[in-house]
Amino acid sequence: LEGIDVVIHLAGAGIADKRWTSARRKEILDSRIIGTRFLARKVSELSNPPALFICASATGYYGNHPATELLDENSPCGEGFLADVCRQWEEAAVPLSGSSTTRVVFARFGVVLSRDGGILARQFPVFKLGLGGYIGNGRQPMSWISIEDLPGIMLHIAEHEEISGPVNVVAPNPVSNREFTATLGEVLHRPAFLKVPAIGAKLLFGKMSEEVLLAGQNVTCRKLLESGYHFFYPELKPALKNLLSN
């Protein structure tokens, strides 16, 4: 890493691909904390360190909030397993927090939409069969970002030295789970009227469903907007059309 301009650290075990057993919780936490702490320490020891260290985090930092409550980068850490993981994840970069040579940014990602992985990749075949639907009451807010915007956002952060600390990496127009479901069904020209009851999600996925599927946050990308970033896909429908087109 000697002489490198920017380090972008994204590693971490998936949070929604397995049930949260005690072993899986430890894996989720360790995969973030150990690597981040190691990299931060090594970067801090370099004689010619990177000018920028971007460490992944997540909007789960804020915990579960209703859609009426708007959250920005100054909002406090919430409660729950994911909030605690994100807090410790960011604290693991403490060796660099007081650096005068390396700027530290915590990219608090929302739900990343991609055809190749994550929630969209798992839902796509179900919705194609006309079996899509919302979860619980469908009112939980979903702060999302198209994967097509991520390279531009990383470059924008690198080019704007005034940006530091937490940055919410989300599109400017969050939706509810019900809205997401209806839009995905519309883009795929499939019905999406089914409903997964909250109790069903809890039986299938345990504690993970309460913090990932049935919870949410209405998060604003204040720092990105104030620093002049222009989103390729600020609205959900065009983003889904782009990602799911042939």
Protein backbone atom coordinates (compact mmCIF):
# COMPACT_ATOMS: atom_id res chain seq x y z
CA LEU A 1 0.00 0.00 0.00
CA GLU A 2 3.05 2.29 0.08
CA GLY A 3 2.44 5.13 -2.38
CA ILE A 4 -1.10 4.06 -3.25
CA ASP A 5 -3.55 6.98 -3.60
CA VAL A 6 -6.79 5.40 -2.40
CA VAL A 7 -7.70 2.28 -0.44
CA ILE A 8 -11.32 1.05 -0.72
CA HIS A 9 -12.07 -1.68 1.81
CA LEU A 10 -15.36 -3.50 1.20
CA ALA A 11 -14.85 -6.96 2.71
CA GLY A 12 -17.46 -8.55 4.95
CA ALA A 13 -19.56 -11.73 5.15
CA GLY A 14 -23.10 -11.44 3.79
CA ILE A 15 -25.75 -10.43 6.29
CA ALA A 16 -28.87 -11.82 4.60
CA ASP A 17 -27.82 -15.08 2.99
CA LYS A 18 -27.92 -17.32 6.07
CA ARG A 19 -29.78 -17.57 9.37
CA TRP A 20 -28.13 -15.71 12.22
CA THR A 21 -26.80 -18.53 14.32
CA SER A 22 -24.28 -17.56 16.98
CA ALA A 23 -21.50 -18.78 14.66
CA ARG A 24 -22.83 -16.72 11.75
CA ARG A 25 -23.10 -13.59 13.91
CA LYS A 26 -19.46 -14.01 14.90
CA GLU A 27 -18.47 -14.46 11.26
CA ILE A 28 -20.37 -11.32 10.22
CA LEU A 29 -18.66 -9.28 12.92
CA ASP A 30 -15.14 -10.74 12.68
CA SER A 31 -15.03 -10.50 8.88
CA ARG A 32 -15.42 -6.75 9.23
CA ILE A 33 -13.60 -5.87 12.42
CA ILE A 34 -10.41 -7.91 12.05
CA GLY A 35 -9.68 -6.89 8.46
CA THR A 36 -10.48 -3.22 9.03
CA ARG A 37 -8.36 -3.01 12.16
CA PHE A 38 -5.46 -4.71 10.39
CA LEU A 39 -5.60 -2.46 7.32
CA ALA A 40 -5.99 0.72 9.37
CA ARG A 41 -2.97 -0.17 11.48
CA LYS A 42 -0.83 -1.01 8.45
CA VAL A 43 -1.79 2.18 6.63
CA SER A 44 -1.02 4.26 9.72
CA GLU A 45 2.51 2.78 9.80
CA LEU A 46 3.40 3.69 6.20
CA SER A 47 5.88 6.46 5.48
CA ASN A 48 3.96 7.39 2.31
CA PRO A 49 0.37 6.41 3.15
CA PRO A 50 -2.71 6.66 0.90
CA ALA A 51 -4.44 10.04 0.81
CA LEU A 52 -7.83 8.37 1.27
CA PHE A 53 -9.11 5.29 3.10
CA ILE A 54 -12.73 4.38 2.27
CA CYS A 55 -14.17 1.74 4.56
CA ALA A 56 -17.54 0.15 3.89
CA SER A 57 -20.27 0.45 6.49
CA ALA A 58 -24.05 0.32 6.18
CA THR A 59 -27.23 2.24 6.87
CA GLY A 60 -27.93 -0.48 9.43
CA TYR A 61 -25.82 1.78 11.66
CA TYR A 62 -28.97 3.79 12.40
CA GLY A 63 -31.11 0.86 13.51
CA ASN A 64 -34.81 0.51 12.69
CA HIS A 65 -36.83 3.71 12.14
CA PRO A 66 -40.23 4.55 10.65
CA ALA A 67 -40.42 6.18 7.22
CA THR A 68 -41.47 9.48 8.78
CA GLU A 69 -38.07 9.87 10.45
CA LEU A 70 -35.40 11.18 8.07
CA LEU A 71 -31.84 10.15 8.92
CA ASP A 72 -28.60 11.80 7.80
CA GLU A 73 -24.92 11.33 8.58
CA ASN A 74 -25.31 13.13 11.92
CA SER A 75 -28.01 10.77 13.20
CA PRO A 76 -26.93 8.65 16.18
CA CYS A 77 -26.17 4.95 16.16
CA GLY A 78 -29.27 2.85 16.68
CA GLU A 79 -29.95 -0.40 18.49
CA GLY A 80 -29.73 -4.00 17.38
CA PHE A 81 -27.14 -6.42 16.05
CA LEU A 82 -26.52 -4.66 12.73
CA ALA A 83 -26.19 -1.25 14.37
CA ASP A 84 -23.63 -2.68 16.79
CA VAL A 85 -21.73 -4.36 13.95
CA CYS A 86 -21.55 -1.09 11.99
CA ARG A 87 -20.45 0.85 15.05
CA GLN A 88 -17.61 -1.56 15.77
CA TRP A 89 -16.76 -1.70 12.05
CA GLU A 90 -16.19 2.04 11.94
CA GLU A 91 -14.41 2.11 15.29
CA ALA A 92 -11.95 -0.48 13.94
CA ALA A 93 -10.47 2.30 11.77
CA VAL A 94 -9.52 4.32 14.87
CA PRO A 95 -5.76 4.00 14.15
CA LEU A 96 -6.38 6.32 11.18
CA SER A 97 -8.97 8.65 12.71
CA GLY A 98 -6.40 11.18 13.88
CA SER A 99 -4.19 10.96 10.81
CA SER A 100 -3.09 14.23 9.23
CA THR A 101 -2.20 12.53 5.94
CA THR A 102 -4.99 10.00 5.32
CA ARG A 103 -8.62 11.09 4.99
CA VAL A 104 -11.07 8.47 6.30
CA VAL A 105 -14.56 7.96 4.86
CA PHE A 106 -17.14 5.43 6.04
CA ALA A 107 -19.40 4.53 3.11
CA ARG A 108 -22.71 3.65 4.74
CA PHE A 109 -24.28 1.63 1.94
CA GLY A 110 -28.00 1.19 1.62
CA VAL A 111 -29.51 -1.81 -0.18
CA VAL A 112 -27.30 -2.25 -3.24
CA LEU A 113 -29.32 -3.29 -6.29
CA SER A 114 -27.49 -5.59 -8.69
CA ARG A 115 -28.54 -8.31 -11.11
CA ASP A 116 -25.55 -10.38 -9.96
CA GLY A 117 -26.17 -10.53 -6.22
CA GLY A 118 -27.99 -9.23 -3.18
CA ILE A 119 -31.72 -8.81 -2.73
CA LEU A 120 -32.53 -8.13 -6.39
CA ALA A 121 -30.76 -11.24 -7.67
CA ARG A 122 -32.67 -13.39 -5.16
CA GLN A 123 -36.04 -11.80 -5.92
CA PHE A 124 -35.71 -11.72 -9.72
CA PRO A 125 -36.57 -15.40 -10.46
CA VAL A 126 -39.46 -15.34 -7.96
CA PHE A 127 -40.96 -12.21 -9.51
CA LYS A 128 -40.46 -13.60 -13.04
CA LEU A 129 -42.76 -16.46 -12.03
CA GLY A 130 -45.39 -13.98 -10.86
CA LEU A 131 -44.91 -14.97 -7.23
CA GLY A 132 -43.53 -11.67 -5.95
CA GLY A 133 -44.94 -9.78 -3.00
CA TYR A 134 -44.21 -7.46 -0.13
CA ILE A 135 -43.10 -8.49 3.35
CA GLY A 136 -45.03 -7.79 6.53
CA ASN A 137 -47.08 -4.63 6.23
CA GLY A 138 -44.84 -3.37 3.42
CA ARG A 139 -44.40 0.04 5.03
CA GLN A 140 -40.76 -0.44 6.07
CA PRO A 141 -38.59 2.14 4.27
CA MET A 142 -35.92 0.95 1.87
CA SER A 143 -32.92 3.17 1.17
CA TRP A 144 -31.40 1.74 -1.98
CA ILE A 145 -28.60 2.45 -4.45
CA SER A 146 -27.97 1.08 -7.95
CA ILE A 147 -24.62 -0.65 -8.33
CA GLU A 148 -24.21 1.47 -11.48
CA ASP A 149 -23.77 4.54 -9.25
CA LEU A 150 -21.13 3.08 -6.96
CA PRO A 151 -18.00 3.66 -9.11
CA GLY A 152 -19.05 7.26 -9.68
CA ILE A 153 -19.65 7.80 -5.98
CA MET A 154 -16.25 6.36 -5.05
CA LEU A 155 -14.55 8.64 -7.59
CA HIS A 156 -16.58 11.61 -6.37
CA ILE A 157 -15.47 11.00 -2.79
CA ALA A 158 -11.85 10.68 -3.93
CA GLU A 159 -12.02 13.95 -5.84
CA HIS A 160 -13.73 16.00 -3.11
CA GLU A 161 -11.32 16.42 -0.22
CA GLU A 162 -13.96 18.15 1.91
CA ILE A 163 -15.80 14.84 2.29
CA SER A 164 -14.80 12.84 5.35
CA GLY A 165 -16.34 10.67 8.03
CA PRO A 166 -19.64 8.89 7.38
CA VAL A 167 -21.26 9.21 3.95
CA ASN A 168 -24.68 7.71 3.24
CA VAL A 169 -24.39 5.87 -0.08
CA VAL A 170 -28.06 5.80 -1.03
CA ALA A 171 -30.18 7.20 -3.85
CA PRO A 172 -32.08 10.42 -3.06
CA ASN A 173 -35.50 8.75 -3.39
CA PRO A 174 -36.08 5.88 -0.94
CA VAL A 175 -39.19 3.73 -1.25
CA SER A 176 -41.27 1.48 0.97
CA ASN A 177 -41.04 -2.29 0.66
CA ARG A 178 -44.52 -2.25 -0.90
CA GLU A 179 -43.44 0.39 -3.45
CA PHE A 180 -40.33 -1.58 -4.31
CA THR A 181 -42.41 -4.71 -4.84
CA ALA A 182 -44.94 -2.95 -7.07
CA THR A 183 -42.21 -1.28 -9.15
CA LEU A 184 -40.26 -4.50 -9.65
CA GLY A 185 -43.45 -6.27 -10.74
CA GLU A 186 -44.24 -3.43 -13.16
CA VAL A 187 -40.75 -3.50 -14.71
CA LEU A 188 -40.96 -7.28 -15.18
CA HIS A 189 -44.61 -7.13 -16.35
CA ARG A 190 -45.60 -9.59 -13.67
CA PRO A 191 -48.19 -9.46 -10.88
CA ALA A 192 -46.75 -8.75 -7.44
CA PHE A 193 -49.72 -8.93 -5.10
CA LEU A 194 -48.69 -11.72 -2.77
CA LYS A 195 -47.80 -11.02 0.84
CA VAL A 196 -45.26 -12.69 3.09
CA PRO A 197 -46.68 -12.33 6.64
CA ALA A 198 -44.27 -11.09 9.27
CA ILE A 199 -44.67 -14.31 11.24
CA GLY A 200 -43.74 -16.31 8.12
CA ALA A 201 -40.56 -14.29 7.60
CA LYS A 202 -39.62 -14.79 11.25
CA LEU A 203 -40.19 -18.54 11.03
CA LEU A 204 -38.08 -18.81 7.87
CA PHE A 205 -35.23 -16.48 8.76
CA GLY A 206 -35.35 -16.00 12.53
CA LYS A 207 -33.84 -12.88 14.07
CA MET A 208 -32.34 -11.81 10.76
CA SER A 209 -35.81 -11.08 9.37
CA GLU A 210 -36.54 -8.56 12.13
CA GLU A 211 -33.53 -6.38 11.28
CA VAL A 212 -33.18 -6.97 7.53
CA LEU A 213 -36.59 -7.81 6.05
CA LEU A 214 -39.09 -6.21 8.43
CA ALA A 215 -37.05 -3.16 9.45
CA GLY A 216 -35.74 -0.19 7.53
CA GLN A 217 -34.47 3.36 7.54
CA ASN A 218 -35.37 6.46 5.54
CA VAL A 219 -31.84 7.69 4.89
CA THR A 220 -30.84 10.84 3.04
CA CYS A 221 -27.64 11.21 0.99
CA ARG A 222 -27.03 14.72 2.33
CA LYS A 223 -23.24 14.78 1.96
CA LEU A 224 -23.29 13.50 -1.61
CA LEU A 225 -25.93 16.01 -2.69
CA GLU A 226 -24.30 18.96 -0.93
CA SER A 227 -20.94 18.15 -2.54
CA GLY A 228 -22.52 18.07 -6.00
CA TYR A 229 -22.77 14.41 -6.90
CA HIS A 230 -25.26 13.78 -9.74
CA PHE A 231 -26.84 10.33 -9.58
CA PHE A 232 -27.11 8.25 -12.72
CA TYR A 233 -30.18 6.56 -11.22
CA PRO A 234 -31.93 8.70 -8.59
CA GLU A 235 -35.31 6.99 -9.21
CA LEU A 236 -36.09 3.31 -8.66
CA LYS A 237 -37.98 2.45 -11.85
CA PRO A 238 -35.25 3.56 -14.31
CA ALA A 239 -32.64 1.87 -12.11
CA LEU A 240 -34.49 -1.45 -12.21
CA LYS A 241 -35.13 -1.17 -15.94
CA ASN A 242 -31.41 -0.65 -16.53
CA LEU A 243 -30.34 -3.50 -14.28
CA LEU A 244 -32.88 -6.00 -15.60
CA SER A 245 -32.75 -5.17 -19.31
CA ASN A 246 -31.39 -7.78 -21.71
